[in-house]
Amino acid sequence: MTTAVTEFTVAAPAQGAFEDNFTAGMRTTLNDVPGLRNARLLRPRKGSHGYLAVLDFEDDAAFTAYTSAEAFRAAHADPTHSLADDNRVTVFEAVTQV
């Protein structure tokens, strides 16, 4: 499994709009992505402005195909990203799964 994690820093006044818009964007752009197992937007519980968008793919080939697909371009053209002050992407490979 390959997991892509994007961390977004969002100022407190923009958090509600960010959550609403990002969630709507995920629902419209990720529904039919081949090899996508799961997609989540995680909200920090306390004292942080860092959101995590976590996408789990069956394997690296599915992730790589997604990054060149129309769904990827549509998701990243979404103006929701402008509500974030910063973002960083990290891609992980599963070592152990229980």
PDB file of N, CA and C in Angstrom:
ATOM      1  N   MET A   1       0.854  -1.178   0.000  1.00  0.00           N
ATOM      2  CA  MET A   1       0.000   0.000   0.000  1.00  0.00           C
ATOM      3  C   MET A   1       0.893   1.233   0.000  1.00  0.00           C
ATOM      4  N   THR A   2       0.472   2.246  -0.733  1.00  0.00           N
ATOM      5  CA  THR A   2       1.150   3.535  -0.774  1.00  0.00           C
ATOM      6  C   THR A   2       0.201   4.580  -0.215  1.00  0.00           C
ATOM      7  N   THR A   3       0.704   5.404   0.694  1.00  0.00           N
ATOM      8  CA  THR A   3      -0.105   6.440   1.326  1.00  0.00           C
ATOM      9  C   THR A   3       0.514   7.798   1.054  1.00  0.00           C
ATOM     10  N   ALA A   4      -0.296   8.717   0.548  1.00  0.00           N
ATOM     11  CA  ALA A   4       0.132  10.098   0.338  1.00  0.00           C
ATOM     12  C   ALA A   4      -0.527  10.951   1.409  1.00  0.00           C
ATOM     13  N   VAL A   5       0.288  11.712   2.129  1.00  0.00           N
ATOM     14  CA  VAL A   5      -0.209  12.570   3.202  1.00  0.00           C
ATOM     15  C   VAL A   5       0.161  14.011   2.869  1.00  0.00           C
ATOM     16  N   THR A   6      -0.846  14.863   2.802  1.00  0.00           N
ATOM     17  CA  THR A   6      -0.605  16.286   2.604  1.00  0.00           C
ATOM     18  C   THR A   6      -0.986  16.994   3.890  1.00  0.00           C
ATOM     19  N   GLU A   7      -0.063  17.750   4.441  1.00  0.00           N
ATOM     20  CA  GLU A   7      -0.330  18.534   5.644  1.00  0.00           C
ATOM     21  C   GLU A   7      -0.584  19.973   5.230  1.00  0.00           C
ATOM     22  N   PHE A   8      -1.727  20.498   5.655  1.00  0.00           N
ATOM     23  CA  PHE A   8      -2.116  21.867   5.355  1.00  0.00           C
ATOM     24  C   PHE A   8      -2.104  22.682   6.644  1.00  0.00           C
ATOM     25  N   THR A   9      -1.479  23.835   6.612  1.00  0.00           N
ATOM     26  CA  THR A   9      -1.548  24.778   7.721  1.00  0.00           C
ATOM     27  C   THR A   9      -2.634  25.784   7.366  1.00  0.00           C
ATOM     28  N   VAL A  10      -3.652  25.885   8.231  1.00  0.00           N
ATOM     29  CA  VAL A  10      -4.807  26.740   7.960  1.00  0.00           C
ATOM     30  C   VAL A  10      -5.055  27.618   9.182  1.00  0.00           C
ATOM     31  N   ALA A  11      -5.094  28.917   8.991  1.00  0.00           N
ATOM     32  CA  ALA A  11      -5.365  29.848  10.093  1.00  0.00           C
ATOM     33  C   ALA A  11      -6.777  29.617  10.624  1.00  0.00           C
ATOM     34  N   ALA A  12      -6.949  29.843  11.915  1.00  0.00           N
ATOM     35  CA  ALA A  12      -8.228  29.583  12.582  1.00  0.00           C
ATOM     36  C   ALA A  12      -9.434  30.195  11.861  1.00  0.00           C
ATOM     37  N   PRO A  13      -9.386  31.449  11.396  1.00  0.00           N
ATOM     38  CA  PRO A  13     -10.576  32.012  10.751  1.00  0.00           C
ATOM     39  C   PRO A  13     -10.996  31.289   9.470  1.00  0.00           C
ATOM     40  N   ALA A  14     -10.073  30.600   8.822  1.00  0.00           N
ATOM     41  CA  ALA A  14     -10.379  29.945   7.547  1.00  0.00           C
ATOM     42  C   ALA A  14     -10.683  28.458   7.690  1.00  0.00           C
ATOM     43  N   GLN A  15     -10.604  27.918   8.886  1.00  0.00           N
ATOM     44  CA  GLN A  15     -10.730  26.470   9.058  1.00  0.00           C
ATOM     45  C   GLN A  15     -12.088  25.921   8.643  1.00  0.00           C
ATOM     46  N   GLY A  16     -13.165  26.560   9.006  1.00  0.00           N
ATOM     47  CA  GLY A  16     -14.501  26.074   8.644  1.00  0.00           C
ATOM     48  C   GLY A  16     -14.687  26.008   7.138  1.00  0.00           C
ATOM     49  N   ALA A  17     -14.324  27.074   6.448  1.00  0.00           N
ATOM     50  CA  ALA A  17     -14.442  27.101   4.983  1.00  0.00           C
ATOM     51  C   ALA A  17     -13.515  26.067   4.352  1.00  0.00           C
ATOM     52  N   PHE A  18     -12.314  25.921   4.888  1.00  0.00           N
ATOM     53  CA  PHE A  18     -11.375  24.925   4.373  1.00  0.00           C
ATOM     54  C   PHE A  18     -11.969  23.530   4.478  1.00  0.00           C
ATOM     55  N   GLU A  19     -12.509  23.184   5.655  1.00  0.00           N
ATOM     56  CA  GLU A  19     -13.094  21.851   5.857  1.00  0.00           C
ATOM     57  C   GLU A  19     -14.250  21.601   4.889  1.00  0.00           C
ATOM     58  N   ASP A  20     -15.150  22.557   4.779  1.00  0.00           N
ATOM     59  CA  ASP A  20     -16.313  22.390   3.905  1.00  0.00           C
ATOM     60  C   ASP A  20     -15.897  22.230   2.449  1.00  0.00           C
ATOM     61  N   ASN A  21     -15.032  23.120   1.987  1.00  0.00           N
ATOM     62  CA  ASN A  21     -14.633  23.104   0.581  1.00  0.00           C
ATOM     63  C   ASN A  21     -13.766  21.895   0.254  1.00  0.00           C
ATOM     64  N   PHE A  22     -12.849  21.551   1.140  1.00  0.00           N
ATOM     65  CA  PHE A  22     -11.964  20.420   0.867  1.00  0.00           C
ATOM     66  C   PHE A  22     -12.756  19.120   0.846  1.00  0.00           C
ATOM     67  N   THR A  23     -13.684  18.966   1.773  1.00  0.00           N
ATOM     68  CA  THR A  23     -14.523  17.773   1.820  1.00  0.00           C
ATOM     69  C   THR A  23     -15.352  17.649   0.545  1.00  0.00           C
ATOM     70  N   ALA A  24     -15.956  18.745   0.112  1.00  0.00           N
ATOM     71  CA  ALA A  24     -16.741  18.722  -1.128  1.00  0.00           C
ATOM     72  C   ALA A  24     -15.857  18.375  -2.321  1.00  0.00           C
ATOM     73  N   GLY A  25     -14.656  18.926  -2.352  1.00  0.00           N
ATOM     74  CA  GLY A  25     -13.730  18.629  -3.441  1.00  0.00           C
ATOM     75  C   GLY A  25     -13.326  17.167  -3.467  1.00  0.00           C
ATOM     76  N   MET A  26     -13.083  16.588  -2.297  1.00  0.00           N
ATOM     77  CA  MET A  26     -12.724  15.170  -2.233  1.00  0.00           C
ATOM     78  C   MET A  26     -13.862  14.309  -2.764  1.00  0.00           C
ATOM     79  N   ARG A  27     -15.084  14.665  -2.405  1.00  0.00           N
ATOM     80  CA  ARG A  27     -16.242  13.875  -2.841  1.00  0.00           C
ATOM     81  C   ARG A  27     -16.447  13.935  -4.349  1.00  0.00           C
ATOM     82  N   THR A  28     -16.106  15.059  -4.970  1.00  0.00           N
ATOM     83  CA  THR A  28     -16.338  15.179  -6.411  1.00  0.00           C
ATOM     84  C   THR A  28     -15.159  14.681  -7.250  1.00  0.00           C
ATOM     85  N   THR A  29     -13.943  14.686  -6.722  1.00  0.00           N
ATOM     86  CA  THR A  29     -12.790  14.322  -7.548  1.00  0.00           C
ATOM     87  C   THR A  29     -12.234  12.931  -7.269  1.00  0.00           C
ATOM     88  N   LEU A  30     -12.586  12.321  -6.148  1.00  0.00           N
ATOM     89  CA  LEU A  30     -11.946  11.060  -5.776  1.00  0.00           C
ATOM     90  C   LEU A  30     -12.830   9.827  -5.889  1.00  0.00           C
ATOM     91  N   ASN A  31     -14.083   9.985  -6.251  1.00  0.00           N
ATOM     92  CA  ASN A  31     -15.016   8.852  -6.255  1.00  0.00           C
ATOM     93  C   ASN A  31     -14.587   7.664  -7.097  1.00  0.00           C
ATOM     94  N   ASP A  32     -14.046   7.899  -8.273  1.00  0.00           N
ATOM     95  CA  ASP A  32     -13.772   6.808  -9.198  1.00  0.00           C
ATOM     96  C   ASP A  32     -12.284   6.649  -9.519  1.00  0.00           C
ATOM     97  N   VAL A  33     -11.427   6.991  -8.594  1.00  0.00           N
ATOM     98  CA  VAL A  33      -9.990   6.872  -8.834  1.00  0.00           C
ATOM     99  C   VAL A  33      -9.587   5.404  -8.691  1.00  0.00           C
ATOM    100  N   PRO A  34      -9.079   4.799  -9.769  1.00  0.00           N
ATOM    101  CA  PRO A  34      -8.668   3.388  -9.697  1.00  0.00           C
ATOM    102  C   PRO A  34      -7.556   3.182  -8.662  1.00  0.00           C
ATOM    103  N   GLY A  35      -7.721   2.178  -7.835  1.00  0.00           N
ATOM    104  CA  GLY A  35      -6.706   1.825  -6.852  1.00  0.00           C
ATOM    105  C   GLY A  35      -6.724   2.637  -5.581  1.00  0.00           C
ATOM    106  N   LEU A  36      -7.628   3.618  -5.468  1.00  0.00           N
ATOM    107  CA  LEU A  36      -7.740   4.402  -4.239  1.00  0.00           C
ATOM    108  C   LEU A  36      -8.576   3.620  -3.242  1.00  0.00           C
ATOM    109  N   ARG A  37      -7.989   3.266  -2.125  1.00  0.00           N
ATOM    110  CA  ARG A  37      -8.695   2.493  -1.095  1.00  0.00           C
ATOM    111  C   ARG A  37      -9.459   3.376  -0.124  1.00  0.00           C
ATOM    112  N   ASN A  38      -8.874   4.527   0.213  1.00  0.00           N
ATOM    113  CA  ASN A  38      -9.434   5.333   1.277  1.00  0.00           C
ATOM    114  C   ASN A  38      -8.906   6.757   1.141  1.00  0.00           C
ATOM    115  N   ALA A  39      -9.740   7.740   1.480  1.00  0.00           N
ATOM    116  CA  ALA A  39      -9.315   9.137   1.509  1.00  0.00           C
ATOM    117  C   ALA A  39      -9.956   9.804   2.712  1.00  0.00           C
ATOM    118  N   ARG A  40      -9.128  10.501   3.492  1.00  0.00           N
ATOM    119  CA  ARG A  40      -9.622  11.140   4.710  1.00  0.00           C
ATOM    120  C   ARG A  40      -9.027  12.536   4.857  1.00  0.00           C
ATOM    121  N   LEU A  41      -9.807  13.444   5.425  1.00  0.00           N
ATOM    122  CA  LEU A  41      -9.298  14.733   5.867  1.00  0.00           C
ATOM    123  C   LEU A  41      -9.347  14.698   7.384  1.00  0.00           C
ATOM    124  N   LEU A  42      -8.191  14.860   8.021  1.00  0.00           N
ATOM    125  CA  LEU A  42      -8.102  14.795   9.476  1.00  0.00           C
ATOM    126  C   LEU A  42      -7.924  16.197  10.048  1.00  0.00           C
ATOM    127  N   ARG A  43      -8.744  16.514  11.054  1.00  0.00           N
ATOM    128  CA  ARG A  43      -8.696  17.796  11.745  1.00  0.00           C
ATOM    129  C   ARG A  43      -7.893  17.626  13.033  1.00  0.00           C
ATOM    130  N   PRO A  44      -7.016  18.584  13.340  1.00  0.00           N
ATOM    131  CA  PRO A  44      -6.286  18.489  14.610  1.00  0.00           C
ATOM    132  C   PRO A  44      -7.259  18.645  15.782  1.00  0.00           C
ATOM    133  N   ARG A  45      -7.022  17.915  16.845  1.00  0.00           N
ATOM    134  CA  ARG A  45      -7.931  17.963  17.996  1.00  0.00           C
ATOM    135  C   ARG A  45      -7.772  19.236  18.812  1.00  0.00           C
ATOM    136  N   LYS A  46      -6.540  19.649  19.087  1.00  0.00           N
ATOM    137  CA  LYS A  46      -6.329  20.839  19.918  1.00  0.00           C
ATOM    138  C   LYS A  46      -5.042  21.541  19.518  1.00  0.00           C
ATOM    139  N   GLY A  47      -5.063  22.853  19.620  1.00  0.00           N
ATOM    140  CA  GLY A  47      -3.865  23.654  19.588  1.00  0.00           C
ATOM    141  C   GLY A  47      -3.011  23.619  18.336  1.00  0.00           C
ATOM    142  N   SER A  48      -3.557  23.181  17.223  1.00  0.00           N
ATOM    143  CA  SER A  48      -2.761  23.129  16.009  1.00  0.00           C
ATOM    144  C   SER A  48      -3.616  23.576  14.841  1.00  0.00           C
ATOM    145  N   HIS A  49      -2.957  24.033  13.814  1.00  0.00           N
ATOM    146  CA  HIS A  49      -3.665  24.441  12.608  1.00  0.00           C
ATOM    147  C   HIS A  49      -3.364  23.496  11.458  1.00  0.00           C
ATOM    148  N   GLY A  50      -2.745  22.359  11.745  1.00  0.00           N
ATOM    149  CA  GLY A  50      -2.332  21.427  10.701  1.00  0.00           C
ATOM    150  C   GLY A  50      -3.383  20.367  10.417  1.00  0.00           C
ATOM    151  N   TYR A  51      -3.951  20.393   9.224  1.00  0.00           N
ATOM    152  CA  TYR A  51      -4.864  19.359   8.746  1.00  0.00           C
ATOM    153  C   TYR A  51      -4.060  18.337   7.953  1.00  0.00           C
ATOM    154  N   LEU A  52      -4.531  17.096   7.920  1.00  0.00           N
ATOM    155  CA  LEU A  52      -3.897  16.070   7.110  1.00  0.00           C
ATOM    156  C   LEU A  52      -4.915  15.506   6.127  1.00  0.00           C
ATOM    157  N   ALA A  53      -4.557  15.488   4.851  1.00  0.00           N
ATOM    158  CA  ALA A  53      -5.325  14.779   3.839  1.00  0.00           C
ATOM    159  C   ALA A  53      -4.561  13.488   3.582  1.00  0.00           C
ATOM    160  N   VAL A  54      -5.204  12.352   3.843  1.00  0.00           N
ATOM    161  CA  VAL A  54      -4.550  11.050   3.761  1.00  0.00           C
ATOM    162  C   VAL A  54      -5.236  10.223   2.678  1.00  0.00           C
ATOM    163  N   LEU A  55      -4.474   9.815   1.674  1.00  0.00           N
ATOM    164  CA  LEU A  55      -4.996   8.996   0.583  1.00  0.00           C
ATOM    165  C   LEU A  55      -4.223   7.693   0.547  1.00  0.00           C
ATOM    166  N   ASP A  56      -4.947   6.572   0.669  1.00  0.00           N
ATOM    167  CA  ASP A  56      -4.341   5.245   0.637  1.00  0.00           C
ATOM    168  C   ASP A  56      -4.619   4.598  -0.721  1.00  0.00           C
ATOM    169  N   PHE A  57      -3.550   4.161  -1.387  1.00  0.00           N
ATOM    170  CA  PHE A  57      -3.647   3.510  -2.685  1.00  0.00           C
ATOM    171  C   PHE A  57      -3.218   2.058  -2.570  1.00  0.00           C
ATOM    172  N   GLU A  58      -3.742   1.214  -3.445  1.00  0.00           N
ATOM    173  CA  GLU A  58      -3.389  -0.213  -3.429  1.00  0.00           C
ATOM    174  C   GLU A  58      -1.882  -0.420  -3.540  1.00  0.00           C
ATOM    175  N   ASP A  59      -1.249   0.376  -4.389  1.00  0.00           N
ATOM    176  CA  ASP A  59       0.193   0.223  -4.606  1.00  0.00           C
ATOM    177  C   ASP A  59       0.745   1.488  -5.250  1.00  0.00           C
ATOM    178  N   ASP A  60       2.047   1.506  -5.472  1.00  0.00           N
ATOM    179  CA  ASP A  60       2.698   2.675  -6.045  1.00  0.00           C
ATOM    180  C   ASP A  60       2.216   2.955  -7.459  1.00  0.00           C
ATOM    181  N   ALA A  61       1.914   1.909  -8.221  1.00  0.00           N
ATOM    182  CA  ALA A  61       1.429   2.107  -9.586  1.00  0.00           C
ATOM    183  C   ALA A  61       0.099   2.877  -9.596  1.00  0.00           C
ATOM    184  N   ALA A  62      -0.789   2.563  -8.667  1.00  0.00           N
ATOM    185  CA  ALA A  62      -2.077   3.268  -8.581  1.00  0.00           C
ATOM    186  C   ALA A  62      -1.863   4.727  -8.189  1.00  0.00           C
ATOM    187  N   PHE A  63      -0.951   4.968  -7.246  1.00  0.00           N
ATOM    188  CA  PHE A  63      -0.652   6.344  -6.842  1.00  0.00           C
ATOM    189  C   PHE A  63      -0.058   7.127  -8.009  1.00  0.00           C
ATOM    190  N   THR A  64       0.898   6.537  -8.700  1.00  0.00           N
ATOM    191  CA  THR A  64       1.538   7.205  -9.826  1.00  0.00           C
ATOM    192  C   THR A  64       0.531   7.505 -10.934  1.00  0.00           C
ATOM    193  N   ALA A  65      -0.363   6.570 -11.212  1.00  0.00           N
ATOM    194  CA  ALA A  65      -1.403   6.793 -12.221  1.00  0.00           C
ATOM    195  C   ALA A  65      -2.307   7.950 -11.805  1.00  0.00           C
ATOM    196  N   TYR A  66      -2.640   8.022 -10.522  1.00  0.00           N
ATOM    197  CA  TYR A  66      -3.485   9.119 -10.024  1.00  0.00           C
ATOM    198  C   TYR A  66      -2.814  10.471 -10.252  1.00  0.00           C
ATOM    199  N   THR A  67      -1.512  10.557 -10.030  1.00  0.00           N
ATOM    200  CA  THR A  67      -0.829  11.850 -10.151  1.00  0.00           C
ATOM    201  C   THR A  67      -0.794  12.371 -11.589  1.00  0.00           C
ATOM    202  N   SER A  68      -1.088  11.527 -12.565  1.00  0.00           N
ATOM    203  CA  SER A  68      -1.140  12.004 -13.950  1.00  0.00           C
ATOM    204  C   SER A  68      -2.564  11.984 -14.509  1.00  0.00           C
ATOM    205  N   ALA A  69      -3.552  11.758 -13.655  1.00  0.00           N
ATOM    206  CA  ALA A  69      -4.948  11.648 -14.091  1.00  0.00           C
ATOM    207  C   ALA A  69      -5.689  12.980 -13.975  1.00  0.00           C
ATOM    208  N   GLU A  70      -6.811  13.061 -14.662  1.00  0.00           N
ATOM    209  CA  GLU A  70      -7.659  14.252 -14.605  1.00  0.00           C
ATOM    210  C   GLU A  70      -8.154  14.513 -13.183  1.00  0.00           C
ATOM    211  N   ALA A  71      -8.443  13.464 -12.423  1.00  0.00           N
ATOM    212  CA  ALA A  71      -8.910  13.639 -11.035  1.00  0.00           C
ATOM    213  C   ALA A  71      -7.873  14.396 -10.207  1.00  0.00           C
ATOM    214  N   PHE A  72      -6.605  14.108 -10.420  1.00  0.00           N
ATOM    215  CA  PHE A  72      -5.524  14.798  -9.702  1.00  0.00           C
ATOM    216  C   PHE A  72      -5.494  16.277 -10.093  1.00  0.00           C
ATOM    217  N   ARG A  73      -5.558  16.565 -11.384  1.00  0.00           N
ATOM    218  CA  ARG A  73      -5.535  17.959 -11.841  1.00  0.00           C
ATOM    219  C   ARG A  73      -6.744  18.722 -11.303  1.00  0.00           C
ATOM    220  N   ALA A  74      -7.915  18.088 -11.317  1.00  0.00           N
ATOM    221  CA  ALA A  74      -9.123  18.746 -10.810  1.00  0.00           C
ATOM    222  C   ALA A  74      -9.017  19.025  -9.317  1.00  0.00           C
ATOM    223  N   ALA A  75      -8.506  18.062  -8.564  1.00  0.00           N
ATOM    224  CA  ALA A  75      -8.377  18.241  -7.114  1.00  0.00           C
ATOM    225  C   ALA A  75      -7.408  19.364  -6.785  1.00  0.00           C
ATOM    226  N   HIS A  76      -6.341  19.493  -7.547  1.00  0.00           N
ATOM    227  CA  HIS A  76      -5.319  20.486  -7.234  1.00  0.00           C
ATOM    228  C   HIS A  76      -5.583  21.846  -7.861  1.00  0.00           C
ATOM    229  N   ALA A  77      -6.600  21.933  -8.699  1.00  0.00           N
ATOM    230  CA  ALA A  77      -7.023  23.226  -9.235  1.00  0.00           C
ATOM    231  C   ALA A  77      -8.062  23.871  -8.327  1.00  0.00           C
ATOM    232  N   ASP A  78      -8.525  23.121  -7.341  1.00  0.00           N
ATOM    233  CA  ASP A  78      -9.563  23.578  -6.405  1.00  0.00           C
ATOM    234  C   ASP A  78      -9.070  24.804  -5.631  1.00  0.00           C
ATOM    235  N   PRO A  79      -9.852  25.882  -5.607  1.00  0.00           N
ATOM    236  CA  PRO A  79      -9.441  27.089  -4.875  1.00  0.00           C
ATOM    237  C   PRO A  79      -9.362  26.900  -3.361  1.00  0.00           C
ATOM    238  N   THR A  80      -9.836  25.767  -2.853  1.00  0.00           N
ATOM    239  CA  THR A  80      -9.736  25.486  -1.421  1.00  0.00           C
ATOM    240  C   THR A  80      -8.292  25.583  -0.950  1.00  0.00           C
ATOM    241  N   HIS A  81      -7.368  25.171  -1.805  1.00  0.00           N
ATOM    242  CA  HIS A  81      -5.960  25.192  -1.421  1.00  0.00           C
ATOM    243  C   HIS A  81      -5.499  26.602  -1.069  1.00  0.00           C
ATOM    244  N   SER A  82      -6.143  27.629  -1.621  1.00  0.00           N
ATOM    245  CA  SER A  82      -5.748  28.999  -1.314  1.00  0.00           C
ATOM    246  C   SER A  82      -6.119  29.382   0.122  1.00  0.00           C
ATOM    247  N   LEU A  83      -6.977  28.615   0.773  1.00  0.00           N
ATOM    248  CA  LEU A  83      -7.320  28.880   2.176  1.00  0.00           C
ATOM    249  C   LEU A  83      -6.214  28.414   3.119  1.00  0.00           C
ATOM    250  N   ALA A  84      -5.315  27.595   2.621  1.00  0.00           N
ATOM    251  CA  ALA A  84      -4.212  27.092   3.436  1.00  0.00           C
ATOM    252  C   ALA A  84      -3.032  28.053   3.331  1.00  0.00           C
ATOM    253  N   ASP A  85      -2.370  28.250   4.459  1.00  0.00           N
ATOM    254  CA  ASP A  85      -1.186  29.099   4.473  1.00  0.00           C
ATOM    255  C   ASP A  85       0.025  28.378   3.891  1.00  0.00           C
ATOM    256  N   ASP A  86       0.029  27.053   3.993  1.00  0.00           N
ATOM    257  CA  ASP A  86       1.166  26.256   3.550  1.00  0.00           C
ATOM    258  C   ASP A  86       0.708  24.810   3.398  1.00  0.00           C
ATOM    259  N   ASN A  87       1.430  24.020   2.605  1.00  0.00           N
ATOM    260  CA  ASN A  87       1.157  22.588   2.546  1.00  0.00           C
ATOM    261  C   ASN A  87       2.439  21.835   2.209  1.00  0.00           C
ATOM    262  N   ARG A  88       2.454  20.573   2.628  1.00  0.00           N
ATOM    263  CA  ARG A  88       3.616  19.713   2.398  1.00  0.00           C
ATOM    264  C   ARG A  88       3.105  18.300   2.142  1.00  0.00           C
ATOM    265  N   VAL A  89       3.638  17.640   1.111  1.00  0.00           N
ATOM    266  CA  VAL A  89       3.232  16.284   0.751  1.00  0.00           C
ATOM    267  C   VAL A  89       4.359  15.318   1.106  1.00  0.00           C
ATOM    268  N   THR A  90       3.982  14.203   1.730  1.00  0.00           N
ATOM    269  CA  THR A  90       4.903  13.115   2.017  1.00  0.00           C
ATOM    270  C   THR A  90       4.240  11.823   1.568  1.00  0.00           C
ATOM    271  N   VAL A  91       4.996  10.964   0.870  1.00  0.00           N
ATOM    272  CA  VAL A  91       4.453   9.701   0.392  1.00  0.00           C
ATOM    273  C   VAL A  91       5.137   8.576   1.171  1.00  0.00           C
ATOM    274  N   PHE A  92       4.323   7.641   1.650  1.00  0.00           N
ATOM    275  CA  PHE A  92       4.791   6.539   2.482  1.00  0.00           C
ATOM    276  C   PHE A  92       4.486   5.215   1.821  1.00  0.00           C
ATOM    277  N   GLU A  93       5.291   4.221   2.126  1.00  0.00           N
ATOM    278  CA  GLU A  93       5.044   2.836   1.719  1.00  0.00           C
ATOM    279  C   GLU A  93       4.764   2.036   2.985  1.00  0.00           C
ATOM    280  N   ALA A  94       3.699   1.247   2.972  1.00  0.00           N
ATOM    281  CA  ALA A  94       3.347   0.455   4.154  1.00  0.00           C
ATOM    282  C   ALA A  94       4.409  -0.613   4.409  1.00  0.00           C
ATOM    283  N   VAL A  95       4.838  -0.695   5.645  1.00  0.00           N
ATOM    284  CA  VAL A  95       5.788  -1.716   6.079  1.00  0.00           C
ATOM    285  C   VAL A  95       5.008  -2.833   6.752  1.00  0.00           C
ATOM    286  N   THR A  96       4.071  -2.460   7.599  1.00  0.00           N
ATOM    287  CA  THR A  96       3.268  -3.420   8.342  1.00  0.00           C
ATOM    288  C   THR A  96       1.823  -2.948   8.361  1.00  0.00           C
ATOM    289  N   GLN A  97       0.897  -3.864   8.213  1.00  0.00           N
ATOM    290  CA  GLN A  97      -0.522  -3.551   8.320  1.00  0.00           C
ATOM    291  C   GLN A  97      -1.177  -4.644   9.147  1.00  0.00           C
ATOM    292  N   VAL A  98      -1.963  -4.248  10.128  1.00  0.00           N
ATOM    293  CA  VAL A  98      -2.622  -5.218  11.014  1.00  0.00           C
ATOM    294  C   VAL A  98      -4.105  -5.192  10.753  1.00  0.00           C
TER     295      VAL A  98
END
